Amino acid sequence: MVIVKNSKNKHKNKRNTNYVSLVCFFICIFMIVIIILYGIKKNDNYELLKENSTLDYVYISEYDFNEVRKSEVAIPYLNINSSAANDINAKIKSDYEITKSKLGYNYEYKYYVSDDIVSIVVQTVCTEEGNSLNETYEYFVYNYDLKENKEISDDELLEKYDITLDQVDMFLKNKFLNYYFLLVDKKKIDQDRVAFVDFLAVKNIKEMTDRINFAVEDNSLIAYRPFDITPINNDDKYFDTDNFRFVVVDKS
């Protein structure tokens, strides 16, 4: 007896399977396109905020000349078309003029675009007249919320990252305690002669959150808290400007 296999159902099932696979494929492609277009649309919306669409969110508006250091100084400009951005640019200019009035100043900036925030971070250092060993570092940070199209304050940044100023204060105390005990362990500080409060006093630190500025970098909340670096106890051998930067909330 010859058995004839019925392949009709098998072919039908195969066609159905191919059809389902094809539909799933096109649905996936469609979703990917939607996600890409959403991202482009979001970025385009932010691009539309720019005063000059051909330039970055922050660019050099002008150069000034530093007579003491015989070098050019680049002044940043927030490239956003809004009254809030105009206020920030006026503040940048005003703060620069204050820095420029001091002897032996240096002025540098960098900026970040992250988590819908533009952060312009300016670092300045000024030398006291007649004392080139005593340099004072300061930071000026300007934050702009692209999503809300307005300047964002430190309090709003803290709320955005769900942290309080008291928590930042405790965070910084722990960081400086780590600095202190690191030098104690290396026998660079005699703990019996130099207490932690003395260690802070040498660095001109009275309150942890004095002279503090916040910025957003790589989706993380950064605190800039400068302190004095002097040759006392060879302080300048163990600290530099990198130690002014503290990652308070890391979301990178």
C-alpha atoms as a PDB file:
ATOM      1  CA  MET A   1       0.000   0.000   0.000  1.00  0.00           C
ATOM      2  CA  VAL A   2       1.317   3.379  -0.952  1.00  0.00           C
ATOM      3  CA  ILE A   3       0.889   6.169   1.617  1.00  0.00           C
ATOM      4  CA  VAL A   4       0.566   9.614   0.120  1.00  0.00           C
ATOM      5  CA  LYS A   5       1.666  12.369   2.550  1.00  0.00           C
ATOM      6  CA  ASN A   6      -0.533  15.409   2.661  1.00  0.00           C
ATOM      7  CA  SER A   7       1.867  18.366   2.547  1.00  0.00           C
ATOM      8  CA  LYS A   8      -0.847  20.965   2.011  1.00  0.00           C
ATOM      9  CA  ASN A   9      -1.307  21.735   5.727  1.00  0.00           C
ATOM     10  CA  LYS A  10       2.431  21.855   6.249  1.00  0.00           C
ATOM     11  CA  HIS A  11       2.841  24.431   3.504  1.00  0.00           C
ATOM     12  CA  LYS A  12      -0.062  26.426   4.909  1.00  0.00           C
ATOM     13  CA  ASN A  13       1.447  26.434   8.415  1.00  0.00           C
ATOM     14  CA  LYS A  14       4.787  27.430   6.993  1.00  0.00           C
ATOM     15  CA  ARG A  15       3.211  30.359   5.139  1.00  0.00           C
ATOM     16  CA  ASN A  16       1.433  31.456   8.339  1.00  0.00           C
ATOM     17  CA  THR A  17       4.684  31.288  10.269  1.00  0.00           C
ATOM     18  CA  ASN A  18       6.477  33.324   7.623  1.00  0.00           C
ATOM     19  CA  TYR A  19       3.647  35.863   7.636  1.00  0.00           C
ATOM     20  CA  VAL A  20       3.782  36.265  11.441  1.00  0.00           C
ATOM     21  CA  SER A  21       7.569  36.616  11.340  1.00  0.00           C
ATOM     22  CA  LEU A  22       7.309  39.263   8.615  1.00  0.00           C
ATOM     23  CA  VAL A  23       4.682  41.204  10.576  1.00  0.00           C
ATOM     24  CA  CYS A  24       6.834  41.063  13.732  1.00  0.00           C
ATOM     25  CA  PHE A  25       9.831  42.255  11.726  1.00  0.00           C
ATOM     26  CA  PHE A  26       7.965  45.288  10.344  1.00  0.00           C
ATOM     27  CA  ILE A  27       6.556  46.115  13.792  1.00  0.00           C
ATOM     28  CA  CYS A  28      10.099  46.122  15.223  1.00  0.00           C
ATOM     29  CA  ILE A  29      11.330  48.347  12.391  1.00  0.00           C
ATOM     30  CA  PHE A  30       8.388  50.676  12.934  1.00  0.00           C
ATOM     31  CA  MET A  31       9.110  50.961  16.672  1.00  0.00           C
ATOM     32  CA  ILE A  32      12.783  51.660  16.042  1.00  0.00           C
ATOM     33  CA  VAL A  33      11.902  54.405  13.559  1.00  0.00           C
ATOM     34  CA  ILE A  34       9.459  55.960  16.048  1.00  0.00           C
ATOM     35  CA  ILE A  35      12.116  55.962  18.785  1.00  0.00           C
ATOM     36  CA  ILE A  36      14.693  57.524  16.461  1.00  0.00           C
ATOM     37  CA  LEU A  37      12.257  60.155  15.212  1.00  0.00           C
ATOM     38  CA  TYR A  38      11.254  60.996  18.788  1.00  0.00           C
ATOM     39  CA  GLY A  39      14.889  61.491  19.722  1.00  0.00           C
ATOM     40  CA  ILE A  40      15.498  63.638  16.655  1.00  0.00           C
ATOM     41  CA  LYS A  41      12.355  65.663  17.311  1.00  0.00           C
ATOM     42  CA  LYS A  42      13.396  66.236  20.923  1.00  0.00           C
ATOM     43  CA  ASN A  43      16.874  67.347  19.876  1.00  0.00           C
ATOM     44  CA  ASP A  44      15.410  69.500  17.114  1.00  0.00           C
ATOM     45  CA  ASN A  45      13.162  71.199  19.651  1.00  0.00           C
ATOM     46  CA  TYR A  46      16.220  72.082  21.715  1.00  0.00           C
ATOM     47  CA  GLU A  47      18.093  73.146  18.605  1.00  0.00           C
ATOM     48  CA  LEU A  48      15.275  75.565  17.883  1.00  0.00           C
ATOM     49  CA  LEU A  49      16.087  77.318  21.158  1.00  0.00           C
ATOM     50  CA  LYS A  50      19.423  78.423  19.786  1.00  0.00           C
ATOM     51  CA  GLU A  51      20.048  82.037  18.909  1.00  0.00           C
ATOM     52  CA  ASN A  52      22.456  80.929  16.182  1.00  0.00           C
ATOM     53  CA  SER A  53      21.598  77.472  14.850  1.00  0.00           C
ATOM     54  CA  THR A  54      25.036  77.002  13.259  1.00  0.00           C
ATOM     55  CA  LEU A  55      26.903  77.209  16.578  1.00  0.00           C
ATOM     56  CA  ASP A  56      27.069  75.077  19.721  1.00  0.00           C
ATOM     57  CA  TYR A  57      25.007  75.744  22.825  1.00  0.00           C
ATOM     58  CA  VAL A  58      28.024  77.586  24.226  1.00  0.00           C
ATOM     59  CA  TYR A  59      30.656  79.347  22.180  1.00  0.00           C
ATOM     60  CA  ILE A  60      33.328  82.003  22.593  1.00  0.00           C
ATOM     61  CA  SER A  61      31.645  85.384  22.292  1.00  0.00           C
ATOM     62  CA  GLU A  62      34.834  87.416  22.424  1.00  0.00           C
ATOM     63  CA  TYR A  63      38.485  87.408  23.451  1.00  0.00           C
ATOM     64  CA  ASP A  64      40.025  89.708  26.013  1.00  0.00           C
ATOM     65  CA  PHE A  65      43.730  90.209  26.661  1.00  0.00           C
ATOM     66  CA  ASN A  66      45.293  89.427  30.010  1.00  0.00           C
ATOM     67  CA  GLU A  67      48.012  92.035  30.432  1.00  0.00           C
ATOM     68  CA  VAL A  68      49.722  90.289  33.363  1.00  0.00           C
ATOM     69  CA  ARG A  69      49.840  86.802  31.856  1.00  0.00           C
ATOM     70  CA  LYS A  70      50.155  88.121  28.288  1.00  0.00           C
ATOM     71  CA  SER A  71      47.524  85.738  27.027  1.00  0.00           C
ATOM     72  CA  GLU A  72      44.086  85.827  25.465  1.00  0.00           C
ATOM     73  CA  VAL A  73      41.043  85.092  27.572  1.00  0.00           C
ATOM     74  CA  ALA A  74      38.018  83.399  25.997  1.00  0.00           C
ATOM     75  CA  ILE A  75      34.631  84.605  27.266  1.00  0.00           C
ATOM     76  CA  PRO A  76      31.774  82.064  26.972  1.00  0.00           C
ATOM     77  CA  TYR A  77      28.358  82.863  25.566  1.00  0.00           C
ATOM     78  CA  LEU A  78      25.156  80.871  26.101  1.00  0.00           C
ATOM     79  CA  ASN A  79      23.657  80.439  22.637  1.00  0.00           C
ATOM     80  CA  ILE A  80      19.968  80.453  23.619  1.00  0.00           C
ATOM     81  CA  ASN A  81      17.386  82.934  22.379  1.00  0.00           C
ATOM     82  CA  SER A  82      15.591  83.906  25.601  1.00  0.00           C
ATOM     83  CA  SER A  83      15.548  86.667  28.200  1.00  0.00           C
ATOM     84  CA  ALA A  84      16.789  84.171  30.814  1.00  0.00           C
ATOM     85  CA  ALA A  85      19.802  83.363  28.621  1.00  0.00           C
ATOM     86  CA  ASN A  86      20.415  87.080  28.143  1.00  0.00           C
ATOM     87  CA  ASP A  87      20.496  87.466  31.930  1.00  0.00           C
ATOM     88  CA  ILE A  88      23.029  84.642  32.217  1.00  0.00           C
ATOM     89  CA  ASN A  89      25.237  86.174  29.528  1.00  0.00           C
ATOM     90  CA  ALA A  90      25.103  89.517  31.317  1.00  0.00           C
ATOM     91  CA  LYS A  91      26.066  87.759  34.546  1.00  0.00           C
ATOM     92  CA  ILE A  92      28.966  85.986  32.815  1.00  0.00           C
ATOM     93  CA  LYS A  93      30.238  89.336  31.566  1.00  0.00           C
ATOM     94  CA  SER A  94      29.818  91.000  34.971  1.00  0.00           C
ATOM     95  CA  ASP A  95      31.563  88.183  36.826  1.00  0.00           C
ATOM     96  CA  TYR A  96      34.421  88.315  34.341  1.00  0.00           C
ATOM     97  CA  GLU A  97      34.866  92.052  34.880  1.00  0.00           C
ATOM     98  CA  ILE A  98      35.105  91.457  38.654  1.00  0.00           C
ATOM     99  CA  THR A  99      37.733  88.764  38.093  1.00  0.00           C
ATOM    100  CA  LYS A 100      39.611  90.953  35.636  1.00  0.00           C
ATOM    101  CA  SER A 101      39.917  93.718  38.227  1.00  0.00           C
ATOM    102  CA  LYS A 102      42.033  91.453  40.437  1.00  0.00           C
ATOM    103  CA  LEU A 103      45.780  91.066  40.117  1.00  0.00           C
ATOM    104  CA  GLY A 104      47.260  88.091  38.314  1.00  0.00           C
ATOM    105  CA  TYR A 105      43.957  86.517  37.367  1.00  0.00           C
ATOM    106  CA  ASN A 106      43.464  83.475  35.183  1.00  0.00           C
ATOM    107  CA  TYR A 107      40.102  82.613  33.620  1.00  0.00           C
ATOM    108  CA  GLU A 108      39.111  79.339  31.971  1.00  0.00           C
ATOM    109  CA  TYR A 109      35.805  77.713  31.149  1.00  0.00           C
ATOM    110  CA  LYS A 110      34.303  74.447  29.979  1.00  0.00           C
ATOM    111  CA  TYR A 111      30.722  73.442  29.362  1.00  0.00           C
ATOM    112  CA  TYR A 112      28.522  70.369  29.338  1.00  0.00           C
ATOM    113  CA  VAL A 113      25.155  69.470  27.807  1.00  0.00           C
ATOM    114  CA  SER A 114      23.647  66.643  29.813  1.00  0.00           C
ATOM    115  CA  ASP A 115      20.242  65.563  31.151  1.00  0.00           C
ATOM    116  CA  ASP A 116      18.544  68.541  29.424  1.00  0.00           C
ATOM    117  CA  ILE A 117      20.889  70.932  31.269  1.00  0.00           C
ATOM    118  CA  VAL A 118      23.595  73.190  29.855  1.00  0.00           C
ATOM    119  CA  SER A 119      26.258  73.840  32.502  1.00  0.00           C
ATOM    120  CA  ILE A 120      28.970  76.447  31.973  1.00  0.00           C
ATOM    121  CA  VAL A 121      31.771  76.014  34.511  1.00  0.00           C
ATOM    122  CA  VAL A 122      34.227  78.891  34.896  1.00  0.00           C
ATOM    123  CA  GLN A 123      37.360  78.462  37.000  1.00  0.00           C
ATOM    124  CA  THR A 124      39.293  81.552  38.078  1.00  0.00           C
ATOM    125  CA  VAL A 125      42.481  81.961  40.064  1.00  0.00           C
ATOM    126  CA  CYS A 126      43.763  85.236  41.421  1.00  0.00           C
ATOM    127  CA  THR A 127      47.132  85.988  42.989  1.00  0.00           C
ATOM    128  CA  GLU A 128      47.422  88.366  45.928  1.00  0.00           C
ATOM    129  CA  GLU A 129      49.556  91.420  45.325  1.00  0.00           C
ATOM    130  CA  GLY A 130      53.090  90.826  46.543  1.00  0.00           C
ATOM    131  CA  ASN A 131      52.416  87.173  47.359  1.00  0.00           C
ATOM    132  CA  SER A 132      52.562  84.919  44.344  1.00  0.00           C
ATOM    133  CA  LEU A 133      52.361  81.828  46.591  1.00  0.00           C
ATOM    134  CA  ASN A 134      48.850  82.658  47.746  1.00  0.00           C
ATOM    135  CA  GLU A 135      46.391  81.900  44.971  1.00  0.00           C
ATOM    136  CA  THR A 136      42.630  82.037  45.439  1.00  0.00           C
ATOM    137  CA  TYR A 137      40.470  79.781  43.310  1.00  0.00           C
ATOM    138  CA  GLU A 138      36.823  80.505  42.590  1.00  0.00           C
ATOM    139  CA  TYR A 139      34.140  78.929  40.430  1.00  0.00           C
ATOM    140  CA  PHE A 140      31.261  80.517  38.597  1.00  0.00           C
ATOM    141  CA  VAL A 141      28.703  78.046  37.285  1.00  0.00           C
ATOM    142  CA  TYR A 142      25.734  78.918  35.083  1.00  0.00           C
ATOM    143  CA  ASN A 143      23.034  76.288  34.522  1.00  0.00           C
ATOM    144  CA  TYR A 144      20.287  76.414  31.913  1.00  0.00           C
ATOM    145  CA  ASP A 145      17.331  74.009  31.715  1.00  0.00           C
ATOM    146  CA  LEU A 146      16.649  73.293  28.038  1.00  0.00           C
ATOM    147  CA  LYS A 147      13.442  71.420  28.762  1.00  0.00           C
ATOM    148  CA  GLU A 148      11.921  74.309  30.731  1.00  0.00           C
ATOM    149  CA  ASN A 149      13.764  76.955  28.713  1.00  0.00           C
ATOM    150  CA  LYS A 150      14.967  78.826  31.797  1.00  0.00           C
ATOM    151  CA  GLU A 151      17.864  79.198  34.196  1.00  0.00           C
ATOM    152  CA  ILE A 152      17.872  76.474  36.844  1.00  0.00           C
ATOM    153  CA  SER A 153      18.928  77.339  40.389  1.00  0.00           C
ATOM    154  CA  ASP A 154      21.070  75.273  42.771  1.00  0.00           C
ATOM    155  CA  ASP A 155      17.993  74.523  44.882  1.00  0.00           C
ATOM    156  CA  GLU A 156      16.190  73.205  41.806  1.00  0.00           C
ATOM    157  CA  LEU A 157      19.186  71.079  40.850  1.00  0.00           C
ATOM    158  CA  LEU A 158      19.302  69.576  44.334  1.00  0.00           C
ATOM    159  CA  GLU A 159      15.592  68.805  44.108  1.00  0.00           C
ATOM    160  CA  LYS A 160      16.063  67.306  40.640  1.00  0.00           C
ATOM    161  CA  TYR A 161      18.670  64.912  42.045  1.00  0.00           C
ATOM    162  CA  ASP A 162      16.698  64.267  45.237  1.00  0.00           C
ATOM    163  CA  ILE A 163      19.378  65.471  47.650  1.00  0.00           C
ATOM    164  CA  THR A 164      19.475  68.227  50.278  1.00  0.00           C
ATOM    165  CA  LEU A 165      22.161  70.788  51.057  1.00  0.00           C
ATOM    166  CA  ASP A 166      22.614  69.173  54.494  1.00  0.00           C
ATOM    167  CA  GLN A 167      23.358  65.863  52.776  1.00  0.00           C
ATOM    168  CA  VAL A 168      25.880  67.603  50.523  1.00  0.00           C
ATOM    169  CA  ASP A 169      27.448  69.144  53.634  1.00  0.00           C
ATOM    170  CA  MET A 170      27.863  65.698  55.226  1.00  0.00           C
ATOM    171  CA  PHE A 171      29.157  64.278  51.947  1.00  0.00           C
ATOM    172  CA  LEU A 172      31.882  66.946  51.744  1.00  0.00           C
ATOM    173  CA  LYS A 173      32.863  66.500  55.405  1.00  0.00           C
ATOM    174  CA  ASN A 174      33.440  62.818  54.752  1.00  0.00           C
ATOM    175  CA  LYS A 175      35.496  63.631  51.660  1.00  0.00           C
ATOM    176  CA  PHE A 176      37.737  66.053  53.575  1.00  0.00           C
ATOM    177  CA  LEU A 177      38.052  63.560  56.421  1.00  0.00           C
ATOM    178  CA  ASN A 178      39.291  61.064  53.837  1.00  0.00           C
ATOM    179  CA  TYR A 179      41.826  63.640  52.594  1.00  0.00           C
ATOM    180  CA  TYR A 180      42.944  64.277  56.168  1.00  0.00           C
ATOM    181  CA  PHE A 181      43.394  60.631  57.209  1.00  0.00           C
ATOM    182  CA  LEU A 182      45.089  59.806  53.918  1.00  0.00           C
ATOM    183  CA  LEU A 183      47.833  62.311  54.798  1.00  0.00           C
ATOM    184  CA  VAL A 184      47.910  61.055  58.384  1.00  0.00           C
ATOM    185  CA  ASP A 185      48.418  57.479  57.140  1.00  0.00           C
ATOM    186  CA  LYS A 186      51.202  58.671  54.860  1.00  0.00           C
ATOM    187  CA  LYS A 187      52.741  60.421  57.880  1.00  0.00           C
ATOM    188  CA  LYS A 188      52.515  63.758  56.107  1.00  0.00           C
ATOM    189  CA  ILE A 189      50.418  65.098  58.982  1.00  0.00           C
ATOM    190  CA  ASP A 190      51.014  64.528  62.685  1.00  0.00           C
ATOM    191  CA  GLN A 191      47.530  63.896  64.044  1.00  0.00           C
ATOM    192  CA  ASP A 192      48.639  64.862  67.571  1.00  0.00           C
ATOM    193  CA  ARG A 193      49.750  68.289  66.383  1.00  0.00           C
ATOM    194  CA  VAL A 194      47.328  68.973  63.524  1.00  0.00           C
ATOM    195  CA  ALA A 195      43.687  68.211  64.258  1.00  0.00           C
ATOM    196  CA  PHE A 196      41.046  67.952  61.537  1.00  0.00           C
ATOM    197  CA  VAL A 197      39.771  71.478  62.333  1.00  0.00           C
ATOM    198  CA  ASP A 198      43.317  72.803  61.857  1.00  0.00           C
ATOM    199  CA  PHE A 199      43.568  70.938  58.576  1.00  0.00           C
ATOM    200  CA  LEU A 200      40.404  72.699  57.402  1.00  0.00           C
ATOM    201  CA  ALA A 201      41.559  76.082  58.731  1.00  0.00           C
ATOM    202  CA  VAL A 202      44.747  75.921  56.640  1.00  0.00           C
ATOM    203  CA  LYS A 203      42.524  75.419  53.605  1.00  0.00           C
ATOM    204  CA  ASN A 204      40.301  78.344  54.598  1.00  0.00           C
ATOM    205  CA  ILE A 205      37.283  76.064  55.033  1.00  0.00           C
ATOM    206  CA  LYS A 206      34.781  77.342  57.583  1.00  0.00           C
ATOM    207  CA  GLU A 207      31.548  75.931  56.199  1.00  0.00           C
ATOM    208  CA  MET A 208      31.554  73.038  53.771  1.00  0.00           C
ATOM    209  CA  THR A 209      28.904  74.533  51.512  1.00  0.00           C
ATOM    210  CA  ASP A 210      30.481  77.992  51.323  1.00  0.00           C
ATOM    211  CA  ARG A 211      31.832  78.871  47.875  1.00  0.00           C
ATOM    212  CA  ILE A 212      30.045  75.853  46.434  1.00  0.00           C
ATOM    213  CA  ASN A 213      28.640  75.632  42.923  1.00  0.00           C
ATOM    214  CA  PHE A 214      26.702  72.830  41.250  1.00  0.00           C
ATOM    215  CA  ALA A 215      26.829  71.603  37.665  1.00  0.00           C
ATOM    216  CA  VAL A 216      25.472  68.681  35.647  1.00  0.00           C
ATOM    217  CA  GLU A 217      28.016  66.548  33.834  1.00  0.00           C
ATOM    218  CA  ASP A 218      27.377  63.184  32.211  1.00  0.00           C
ATOM    219  CA  ASN A 219      23.925  63.076  33.877  1.00  0.00           C
ATOM    220  CA  SER A 220      25.581  63.384  37.303  1.00  0.00           C
ATOM    221  CA  LEU A 221      25.389  66.174  39.891  1.00  0.00           C
ATOM    222  CA  ILE A 222      28.809  67.735  40.434  1.00  0.00           C
ATOM    223  CA  ALA A 223      29.797  70.088  43.251  1.00  0.00           C
ATOM    224  CA  TYR A 224      32.714  72.481  42.828  1.00  0.00           C
ATOM    225  CA  ARG A 225      34.122  73.450  46.216  1.00  0.00           C
ATOM    226  CA  PRO A 226      37.528  75.181  46.004  1.00  0.00           C
ATOM    227  CA  PHE A 227      39.888  75.593  48.953  1.00  0.00           C
ATOM    228  CA  ASP A 228      43.255  77.195  49.529  1.00  0.00           C
ATOM    229  CA  ILE A 229      46.295  75.268  48.345  1.00  0.00           C
ATOM    230  CA  THR A 230      49.461  76.616  49.952  1.00  0.00           C
ATOM    231  CA  PRO A 231      53.051  75.409  50.496  1.00  0.00           C
ATOM    232  CA  ILE A 232      52.208  74.987  54.215  1.00  0.00           C
ATOM    233  CA  ASN A 233      52.797  71.341  55.129  1.00  0.00           C
ATOM    234  CA  ASN A 234      53.657  70.808  51.458  1.00  0.00           C
ATOM    235  CA  ASP A 235      49.946  71.134  50.781  1.00  0.00           C
ATOM    236  CA  ASP A 236      50.534  71.956  47.133  1.00  0.00           C
ATOM    237  CA  LYS A 237      52.202  68.563  46.629  1.00  0.00           C
ATOM    238  CA  TYR A 238      49.092  66.606  47.578  1.00  0.00           C
ATOM    239  CA  PHE A 239      46.244  68.694  46.189  1.00  0.00           C
ATOM    240  CA  ASP A 240      45.411  70.336  42.892  1.00  0.00           C
ATOM    241  CA  THR A 241      42.327  71.711  41.168  1.00  0.00           C
ATOM    242  CA  ASP A 242      41.016  68.194  40.460  1.00  0.00           C
ATOM    243  CA  ASN A 243      40.335  67.937  44.199  1.00  0.00           C
ATOM    244  CA  PHE A 244      37.842  70.810  43.913  1.00  0.00           C
ATOM    245  CA  ARG A 245      35.448  68.635  41.910  1.00  0.00           C
ATOM    246  CA  PHE A 246      33.119  66.287  43.794  1.00  0.00           C
ATOM    247  CA  VAL A 247      30.688  63.828  42.209  1.00  0.00           C
ATOM    248  CA  VAL A 248      27.723  64.162  44.587  1.00  0.00           C
ATOM    249  CA  VAL A 249      25.189  62.055  42.659  1.00  0.00           C
ATOM    250  CA  ASP A 250      26.648  59.654  40.116  1.00  0.00           C
ATOM    251  CA  LYS A 251      24.291  58.711  37.266  1.00  0.00           C
ATOM    252  CA  SER A 252      26.900  58.276  34.550  1.00  0.00           C
END
